N, C-alpha and C. Protein backbone atom coordinates (compact mmCIF):
# COMPACT_ATOMS: atom_id res chain seq x y z
N MET A 1 33.63 49.41 4.36
CA MET A 1 32.84 48.64 3.44
C MET A 1 32.53 49.51 2.23
N ASN A 2 32.96 49.10 1.08
CA ASN A 2 32.80 49.87 -0.14
C ASN A 2 31.84 49.14 -1.07
N ILE A 3 30.56 49.53 -1.02
CA ILE A 3 29.54 48.88 -1.83
C ILE A 3 29.18 49.79 -2.98
N GLN A 4 29.32 49.27 -4.19
CA GLN A 4 29.00 50.04 -5.40
C GLN A 4 27.97 49.27 -6.21
N LEU A 5 26.71 49.36 -5.81
CA LEU A 5 25.64 48.70 -6.54
C LEU A 5 24.62 49.74 -6.99
N THR A 6 24.02 49.49 -8.15
CA THR A 6 22.92 50.34 -8.59
C THR A 6 21.67 49.95 -7.81
N LYS A 7 20.62 50.78 -7.92
CA LYS A 7 19.38 50.46 -7.22
C LYS A 7 18.80 49.13 -7.70
N GLU A 8 18.88 48.90 -9.01
CA GLU A 8 18.33 47.67 -9.57
C GLU A 8 19.09 46.45 -9.05
N GLN A 9 20.42 46.54 -9.02
CA GLN A 9 21.22 45.44 -8.51
C GLN A 9 20.93 45.20 -7.03
N ALA A 10 20.78 46.28 -6.28
CA ALA A 10 20.49 46.16 -4.85
C ALA A 10 19.13 45.51 -4.63
N LEU A 11 18.14 45.91 -5.41
CA LEU A 11 16.81 45.32 -5.29
C LEU A 11 16.86 43.83 -5.62
N LYS A 12 17.59 43.49 -6.66
CA LYS A 12 17.75 42.08 -7.03
C LYS A 12 18.46 41.32 -5.89
N GLY A 13 19.46 41.96 -5.28
CA GLY A 13 20.16 41.34 -4.16
C GLY A 13 19.26 41.12 -2.96
N ASP A 14 18.36 42.08 -2.67
CA ASP A 14 17.41 41.91 -1.57
C ASP A 14 16.45 40.77 -1.85
N ASN A 15 15.98 40.67 -3.10
CA ASN A 15 15.09 39.55 -3.47
C ASN A 15 15.83 38.22 -3.35
N PHE A 16 17.11 38.24 -3.72
CA PHE A 16 17.93 37.03 -3.58
C PHE A 16 18.05 36.63 -2.11
N LEU A 17 18.23 37.60 -1.23
CA LEU A 17 18.33 37.30 0.21
C LEU A 17 17.04 36.69 0.73
N ARG A 18 15.90 37.18 0.26
CA ARG A 18 14.62 36.60 0.68
C ARG A 18 14.53 35.14 0.24
N LYS A 19 14.98 34.86 -1.00
CA LYS A 19 14.98 33.48 -1.51
C LYS A 19 15.94 32.62 -0.69
N LEU A 20 17.11 33.17 -0.40
CA LEU A 20 18.09 32.42 0.39
C LEU A 20 17.56 32.14 1.79
N LEU A 21 16.84 33.10 2.34
CA LEU A 21 16.27 32.94 3.68
C LEU A 21 15.21 31.84 3.68
N SER A 22 14.43 31.77 2.62
CA SER A 22 13.37 30.75 2.57
C SER A 22 13.92 29.37 2.16
N ASP A 23 14.90 29.33 1.26
CA ASP A 23 15.39 28.05 0.74
C ASP A 23 16.59 27.50 1.49
N GLY A 24 17.30 28.31 2.22
CA GLY A 24 18.53 27.87 2.87
C GLY A 24 19.69 28.01 1.89
N ALA A 25 20.67 27.12 1.96
CA ALA A 25 21.84 27.19 1.08
C ALA A 25 21.43 26.94 -0.37
N LEU A 26 22.10 27.66 -1.28
CA LEU A 26 21.81 27.53 -2.70
C LEU A 26 23.05 27.11 -3.47
N GLN A 27 22.84 26.25 -4.47
CA GLN A 27 23.92 25.82 -5.34
C GLN A 27 24.24 26.93 -6.34
N ARG A 28 25.42 26.87 -6.92
CA ARG A 28 25.89 27.88 -7.87
C ARG A 28 24.90 28.11 -9.00
N GLN A 29 24.43 27.04 -9.63
CA GLN A 29 23.55 27.20 -10.79
C GLN A 29 22.21 27.83 -10.42
N ALA A 30 21.72 27.53 -9.23
CA ALA A 30 20.46 28.14 -8.77
C ALA A 30 20.63 29.64 -8.60
N VAL A 31 21.80 30.06 -8.14
CA VAL A 31 22.08 31.49 -7.97
C VAL A 31 22.16 32.16 -9.34
N TYR A 32 22.88 31.55 -10.27
CA TYR A 32 23.02 32.12 -11.61
C TYR A 32 21.65 32.19 -12.30
N ASP A 33 20.82 31.16 -12.11
CA ASP A 33 19.49 31.16 -12.70
C ASP A 33 18.62 32.26 -12.10
N PHE A 34 18.76 32.49 -10.81
CA PHE A 34 17.97 33.54 -10.17
C PHE A 34 18.29 34.91 -10.75
N PHE A 35 19.57 35.18 -10.95
CA PHE A 35 19.98 36.49 -11.44
C PHE A 35 19.91 36.61 -12.97
N ASN A 36 19.87 35.49 -13.67
CA ASN A 36 19.88 35.47 -15.14
C ASN A 36 21.13 36.14 -15.71
N ASP A 37 22.14 36.31 -14.90
CA ASP A 37 23.38 36.97 -15.34
C ASP A 37 24.49 36.56 -14.36
N ARG A 38 25.43 35.82 -14.86
CA ARG A 38 26.51 35.30 -14.01
C ARG A 38 27.30 36.42 -13.36
N ASP A 39 27.67 37.45 -14.14
CA ASP A 39 28.48 38.54 -13.60
C ASP A 39 27.73 39.32 -12.51
N LEU A 40 26.44 39.57 -12.74
CA LEU A 40 25.64 40.26 -11.74
C LEU A 40 25.55 39.42 -10.47
N ALA A 41 25.36 38.13 -10.63
CA ALA A 41 25.29 37.24 -9.46
C ALA A 41 26.58 37.31 -8.65
N ILE A 42 27.71 37.30 -9.33
CA ILE A 42 29.00 37.35 -8.63
C ILE A 42 29.18 38.68 -7.91
N VAL A 43 28.83 39.79 -8.58
CA VAL A 43 28.97 41.11 -7.96
C VAL A 43 28.11 41.22 -6.70
N VAL A 44 26.84 40.83 -6.83
CA VAL A 44 25.92 40.95 -5.70
C VAL A 44 26.35 40.01 -4.56
N CYS A 45 26.72 38.78 -4.89
CA CYS A 45 27.11 37.83 -3.85
C CYS A 45 28.39 38.26 -3.15
N LYS A 46 29.35 38.80 -3.89
CA LYS A 46 30.59 39.30 -3.26
C LYS A 46 30.25 40.47 -2.32
N THR A 47 29.33 41.32 -2.76
CA THR A 47 28.93 42.45 -1.92
C THR A 47 28.25 41.96 -0.65
N LEU A 48 27.37 40.99 -0.78
CA LEU A 48 26.69 40.43 0.40
C LEU A 48 27.68 39.74 1.33
N GLU A 49 28.72 39.14 0.76
CA GLU A 49 29.76 38.53 1.59
C GLU A 49 30.54 39.62 2.33
N GLN A 50 30.80 40.76 1.67
CA GLN A 50 31.47 41.88 2.34
C GLN A 50 30.66 42.37 3.53
N VAL A 51 29.34 42.44 3.34
CA VAL A 51 28.46 42.88 4.42
C VAL A 51 28.47 41.86 5.55
N GLY A 52 28.71 40.60 5.23
CA GLY A 52 28.83 39.56 6.24
C GLY A 52 27.54 38.81 6.50
N ILE A 53 26.62 38.80 5.54
CA ILE A 53 25.37 38.10 5.78
C ILE A 53 25.20 36.83 4.96
N ILE A 54 26.17 36.56 4.07
CA ILE A 54 26.21 35.25 3.40
C ILE A 54 27.66 34.77 3.41
N SER A 55 27.82 33.47 3.19
CA SER A 55 29.17 32.93 3.06
C SER A 55 29.26 32.20 1.73
N LEU A 56 30.37 32.43 1.05
CA LEU A 56 30.62 31.77 -0.22
C LEU A 56 31.52 30.57 0.05
N ASN A 57 31.04 29.39 -0.29
CA ASN A 57 31.78 28.16 0.00
C ASN A 57 32.20 27.47 -1.28
N GLY A 58 33.37 26.85 -1.25
CA GLY A 58 33.84 26.03 -2.35
C GLY A 58 34.22 26.78 -3.60
N PRO A 59 35.06 27.81 -3.49
CA PRO A 59 35.45 28.52 -4.71
C PRO A 59 36.25 27.61 -5.65
N THR A 60 36.07 27.83 -6.94
CA THR A 60 36.82 27.08 -7.95
C THR A 60 37.59 28.07 -8.80
N TYR A 61 38.29 27.55 -9.79
CA TYR A 61 39.08 28.42 -10.66
C TYR A 61 38.18 29.38 -11.43
N ASN A 62 37.04 28.91 -11.91
CA ASN A 62 36.15 29.73 -12.74
C ASN A 62 35.10 30.49 -11.94
N ASP A 63 34.77 30.01 -10.77
CA ASP A 63 33.68 30.61 -9.99
C ASP A 63 34.13 30.90 -8.57
N PRO A 64 33.62 32.00 -7.99
CA PRO A 64 34.03 32.35 -6.64
C PRO A 64 33.32 31.51 -5.57
N PHE A 65 32.34 30.69 -5.97
CA PHE A 65 31.63 29.87 -4.99
C PHE A 65 30.98 28.67 -5.67
N ALA A 66 30.72 27.65 -4.86
CA ALA A 66 29.94 26.51 -5.33
C ALA A 66 28.59 26.49 -4.62
N ILE A 67 28.62 26.87 -3.35
CA ILE A 67 27.40 26.91 -2.53
C ILE A 67 27.39 28.23 -1.76
N ILE A 68 26.21 28.82 -1.65
CA ILE A 68 26.05 30.03 -0.84
C ILE A 68 25.23 29.66 0.38
N GLY A 69 25.76 30.00 1.53
CA GLY A 69 25.06 29.72 2.77
C GLY A 69 24.69 31.00 3.50
N PRO A 70 23.51 31.02 4.10
CA PRO A 70 23.09 32.22 4.84
C PRO A 70 23.83 32.33 6.17
N GLU A 71 24.08 33.52 6.59
CA GLU A 71 24.66 33.80 7.90
C GLU A 71 23.57 34.41 8.78
N ASP A 72 23.86 34.62 10.04
CA ASP A 72 22.88 35.24 10.93
C ASP A 72 22.67 36.70 10.54
N GLY A 73 21.47 37.18 10.71
CA GLY A 73 21.19 38.60 10.51
C GLY A 73 20.60 38.97 9.17
N ILE A 74 20.25 37.99 8.33
CA ILE A 74 19.68 38.34 7.03
C ILE A 74 18.34 39.04 7.20
N SER A 75 17.47 38.48 8.06
CA SER A 75 16.14 39.08 8.22
C SER A 75 16.25 40.48 8.82
N THR A 76 17.15 40.67 9.77
CA THR A 76 17.35 42.00 10.36
C THR A 76 17.89 42.97 9.32
N PHE A 77 18.81 42.48 8.50
CA PHE A 77 19.38 43.30 7.43
C PHE A 77 18.29 43.74 6.46
N LEU A 78 17.40 42.82 6.10
CA LEU A 78 16.31 43.15 5.18
C LEU A 78 15.31 44.11 5.82
N LYS A 79 15.02 43.93 7.12
CA LYS A 79 14.10 44.83 7.82
C LYS A 79 14.64 46.26 7.87
N ASN A 80 15.96 46.38 7.94
CA ASN A 80 16.60 47.71 8.00
C ASN A 80 16.81 48.33 6.63
N GLY A 81 16.27 47.71 5.59
CA GLY A 81 16.36 48.31 4.26
C GLY A 81 17.23 47.53 3.30
N GLY A 82 18.09 46.69 3.80
CA GLY A 82 18.92 45.84 2.96
C GLY A 82 19.85 46.61 2.03
N LEU A 83 20.18 45.97 0.93
CA LEU A 83 21.08 46.58 -0.05
C LEU A 83 20.44 47.79 -0.73
N THR A 84 19.12 47.78 -0.84
CA THR A 84 18.44 48.91 -1.48
C THR A 84 18.68 50.19 -0.69
N LYS A 85 18.58 50.11 0.61
CA LYS A 85 18.83 51.30 1.45
C LYS A 85 20.28 51.75 1.32
N ILE A 86 21.19 50.80 1.28
CA ILE A 86 22.61 51.15 1.13
C ILE A 86 22.85 51.83 -0.22
N ALA A 87 22.23 51.30 -1.29
CA ALA A 87 22.41 51.89 -2.63
C ALA A 87 21.81 53.30 -2.69
N ILE A 88 20.64 53.48 -2.08
CA ILE A 88 20.00 54.81 -2.07
C ILE A 88 20.85 55.79 -1.28
N ASP A 89 21.35 55.35 -0.12
CA ASP A 89 22.22 56.23 0.68
C ASP A 89 23.48 56.60 -0.08
N LEU A 90 24.04 55.63 -0.80
CA LEU A 90 25.24 55.89 -1.59
C LEU A 90 24.94 56.90 -2.70
N GLU A 91 23.78 56.75 -3.33
CA GLU A 91 23.39 57.69 -4.39
C GLU A 91 23.22 59.10 -3.82
N LYS A 92 22.61 59.20 -2.63
CA LYS A 92 22.46 60.51 -1.99
C LYS A 92 23.83 61.11 -1.65
N GLN A 93 24.75 60.28 -1.19
CA GLN A 93 26.10 60.77 -0.88
C GLN A 93 26.78 61.27 -2.15
N ASN A 94 26.61 60.54 -3.25
CA ASN A 94 27.22 60.97 -4.51
C ASN A 94 26.63 62.29 -4.99
N ILE A 95 25.32 62.46 -4.84
CA ILE A 95 24.68 63.72 -5.23
C ILE A 95 25.19 64.86 -4.35
N THR A 96 25.28 64.60 -3.06
CA THR A 96 25.78 65.62 -2.13
C THR A 96 27.22 65.98 -2.45
N LYS A 97 28.03 64.98 -2.77
CA LYS A 97 29.43 65.24 -3.13
C LYS A 97 29.51 66.06 -4.40
N ALA A 98 28.68 65.75 -5.38
CA ALA A 98 28.68 66.51 -6.64
C ALA A 98 28.27 67.96 -6.39
N LYS A 99 27.27 68.17 -5.53
CA LYS A 99 26.84 69.53 -5.21
C LYS A 99 27.94 70.28 -4.44
N ASP A 100 28.61 69.57 -3.53
CA ASP A 100 29.71 70.20 -2.80
C ASP A 100 30.84 70.61 -3.76
N ASP A 101 31.13 69.75 -4.72
CA ASP A 101 32.15 70.08 -5.72
C ASP A 101 31.74 71.30 -6.54
N GLU A 102 30.46 71.35 -6.91
CA GLU A 102 29.97 72.49 -7.68
C GLU A 102 30.05 73.77 -6.85
N ILE A 103 29.69 73.69 -5.58
CA ILE A 103 29.78 74.86 -4.69
C ILE A 103 31.23 75.31 -4.56
N ARG A 104 32.14 74.35 -4.42
CA ARG A 104 33.56 74.68 -4.29
C ARG A 104 34.07 75.39 -5.55
N ASN A 105 33.67 74.88 -6.73
CA ASN A 105 34.09 75.50 -7.98
C ASN A 105 33.50 76.90 -8.14
N LEU A 106 32.22 77.06 -7.81
CA LEU A 106 31.60 78.37 -7.91
C LEU A 106 32.19 79.36 -6.92
N THR A 107 32.56 78.90 -5.75
CA THR A 107 33.21 79.76 -4.76
C THR A 107 34.56 80.24 -5.27
N ALA A 108 35.31 79.35 -5.90
CA ALA A 108 36.61 79.73 -6.46
C ALA A 108 36.43 80.78 -7.56
N LYS A 109 35.43 80.57 -8.44
CA LYS A 109 35.17 81.56 -9.50
C LYS A 109 34.76 82.90 -8.90
N ASN A 110 33.93 82.84 -7.88
CA ASN A 110 33.46 84.07 -7.22
C ASN A 110 34.64 84.83 -6.60
N LEU A 111 35.56 84.12 -5.98
CA LEU A 111 36.73 84.78 -5.38
C LEU A 111 37.60 85.43 -6.45
N LEU A 112 37.75 84.77 -7.60
CA LEU A 112 38.52 85.37 -8.69
C LEU A 112 37.86 86.66 -9.18
N LEU A 113 36.53 86.63 -9.32
CA LEU A 113 35.81 87.82 -9.75
C LEU A 113 35.91 88.94 -8.72
N GLN A 114 35.83 88.58 -7.44
CA GLN A 114 35.95 89.58 -6.38
C GLN A 114 37.35 90.19 -6.38
N ASN A 115 38.37 89.37 -6.61
CA ASN A 115 39.74 89.89 -6.66
C ASN A 115 39.90 90.86 -7.83
N LYS A 116 39.34 90.51 -8.98
CA LYS A 116 39.42 91.37 -10.15
C LYS A 116 38.72 92.70 -9.87
N GLN A 117 37.55 92.65 -9.24
CA GLN A 117 36.79 93.87 -8.92
C GLN A 117 37.56 94.71 -7.91
N MET A 118 38.19 94.07 -6.95
CA MET A 118 38.97 94.79 -5.94
C MET A 118 40.16 95.50 -6.59
N LYS A 119 40.83 94.83 -7.52
CA LYS A 119 41.95 95.46 -8.22
C LYS A 119 41.50 96.68 -9.01
N ARG A 120 40.35 96.57 -9.66
CA ARG A 120 39.80 97.72 -10.39
C ARG A 120 39.52 98.89 -9.44
N ALA A 121 38.90 98.60 -8.30
CA ALA A 121 38.56 99.65 -7.35
C ALA A 121 39.82 100.35 -6.85
N VAL A 122 40.86 99.58 -6.54
CA VAL A 122 42.12 100.18 -6.08
C VAL A 122 42.74 101.00 -7.20
N PHE A 123 42.74 100.48 -8.41
CA PHE A 123 43.31 101.20 -9.56
C PHE A 123 42.57 102.52 -9.78
N TYR A 124 41.24 102.50 -9.77
CA TYR A 124 40.46 103.73 -9.97
C TYR A 124 40.66 104.71 -8.82
N SER A 125 40.83 104.21 -7.62
CA SER A 125 41.09 105.10 -6.47
C SER A 125 42.43 105.81 -6.62
N ILE A 126 43.42 105.07 -7.07
CA ILE A 126 44.75 105.68 -7.26
C ILE A 126 44.69 106.73 -8.37
N ILE A 127 44.03 106.39 -9.48
CA ILE A 127 43.90 107.35 -10.59
C ILE A 127 43.14 108.60 -10.11
N GLY A 128 42.07 108.39 -9.36
CA GLY A 128 41.30 109.51 -8.83
C GLY A 128 42.12 110.38 -7.90
N PHE A 129 42.92 109.76 -7.05
CA PHE A 129 43.77 110.51 -6.13
C PHE A 129 44.80 111.35 -6.90
N ILE A 130 45.43 110.73 -7.89
CA ILE A 130 46.43 111.45 -8.70
C ILE A 130 45.77 112.58 -9.48
N ALA A 131 44.61 112.32 -10.10
CA ALA A 131 43.91 113.36 -10.87
C ALA A 131 43.48 114.50 -9.94
N GLY A 132 43.02 114.18 -8.76
CA GLY A 132 42.62 115.21 -7.80
C GLY A 132 43.80 116.07 -7.37
N ALA A 133 44.93 115.41 -7.13
CA ALA A 133 46.12 116.15 -6.72
C ALA A 133 46.59 117.07 -7.86
N ILE A 134 46.53 116.59 -9.08
CA ILE A 134 46.96 117.41 -10.23
C ILE A 134 46.02 118.60 -10.42
N ILE A 135 44.71 118.35 -10.37
CA ILE A 135 43.74 119.42 -10.58
C ILE A 135 43.82 120.47 -9.46
N THR A 136 44.00 120.00 -8.23
CA THR A 136 44.09 120.94 -7.11
C THR A 136 45.32 121.83 -7.23
N ASN A 137 46.40 121.29 -7.69
CA ASN A 137 47.66 122.04 -7.76
C ASN A 137 48.04 122.37 -9.20
N LEU A 138 47.08 122.50 -10.08
CA LEU A 138 47.34 122.74 -11.49
C LEU A 138 48.12 124.05 -11.72
N LYS A 139 47.74 125.09 -11.05
CA LYS A 139 48.42 126.38 -11.24
C LYS A 139 49.88 126.26 -10.83
N ASP A 140 50.16 125.62 -9.70
CA ASP A 140 51.54 125.47 -9.23
C ASP A 140 52.35 124.59 -10.18
N ILE A 141 51.73 123.59 -10.73
CA ILE A 141 52.43 122.70 -11.66
C ILE A 141 52.78 123.46 -12.94
N LEU A 142 51.85 124.26 -13.46
CA LEU A 142 52.13 125.03 -14.67
C LEU A 142 53.23 126.04 -14.44
N ILE A 143 53.26 126.63 -13.24
CA ILE A 143 54.34 127.58 -12.91
C ILE A 143 55.66 126.83 -12.82
N LEU A 144 55.67 125.66 -12.25
CA LEU A 144 56.87 124.85 -12.10
C LEU A 144 57.49 124.53 -13.45
N PHE A 145 56.70 124.25 -14.42
CA PHE A 145 57.21 123.93 -15.76
C PHE A 145 57.35 125.16 -16.66
N ASN A 146 57.20 126.34 -16.07
CA ASN A 146 57.33 127.63 -16.76
C ASN A 146 56.36 127.74 -17.95
N LEU A 147 55.20 127.22 -17.78
CA LEU A 147 54.20 127.35 -18.83
C LEU A 147 53.35 128.62 -18.64
N ILE A 148 53.30 129.08 -17.42
CA ILE A 148 52.65 130.38 -17.14
C ILE A 148 53.52 131.13 -16.16
N SER A 149 53.33 132.41 -16.11
CA SER A 149 54.13 133.22 -15.18
C SER A 149 53.49 133.20 -13.81
N SER A 150 54.26 133.51 -12.79
CA SER A 150 53.79 133.41 -11.41
C SER A 150 53.03 134.64 -10.93
N ASP A 151 52.66 135.52 -11.78
CA ASP A 151 51.95 136.73 -11.37
C ASP A 151 50.62 136.47 -10.85
């Protein structure tokens, strides 16, 4: 079930369910009047149909329904938080996903920096080893290149 509603739309949908529960089946125009926005009414009603707590009857070419009828479980659905709870949970999931993405990106940057630091440490160790070997054997190296005598 993929529900993408804002908190405001979800709250409006919960209020609509309360009206549907009290009034029974609603005609298309009554639904549009309740929402004051045809597109919002269609989005919320399609979402409620996905959840399985209303049925859309009599679709036409221009409208997805002519009459909306309640299904069993509306009051239980509302007691459990309704669409508002689903929208809040979805928002929390999106925030968690965004934070996980940020952590993943920061971890990748951190690994790159650690790799760069490790390369520097290895490079400096090699230079130090070579410099130490040269300084320790400086006299022998100078004799080898005939820069000083072996006396």
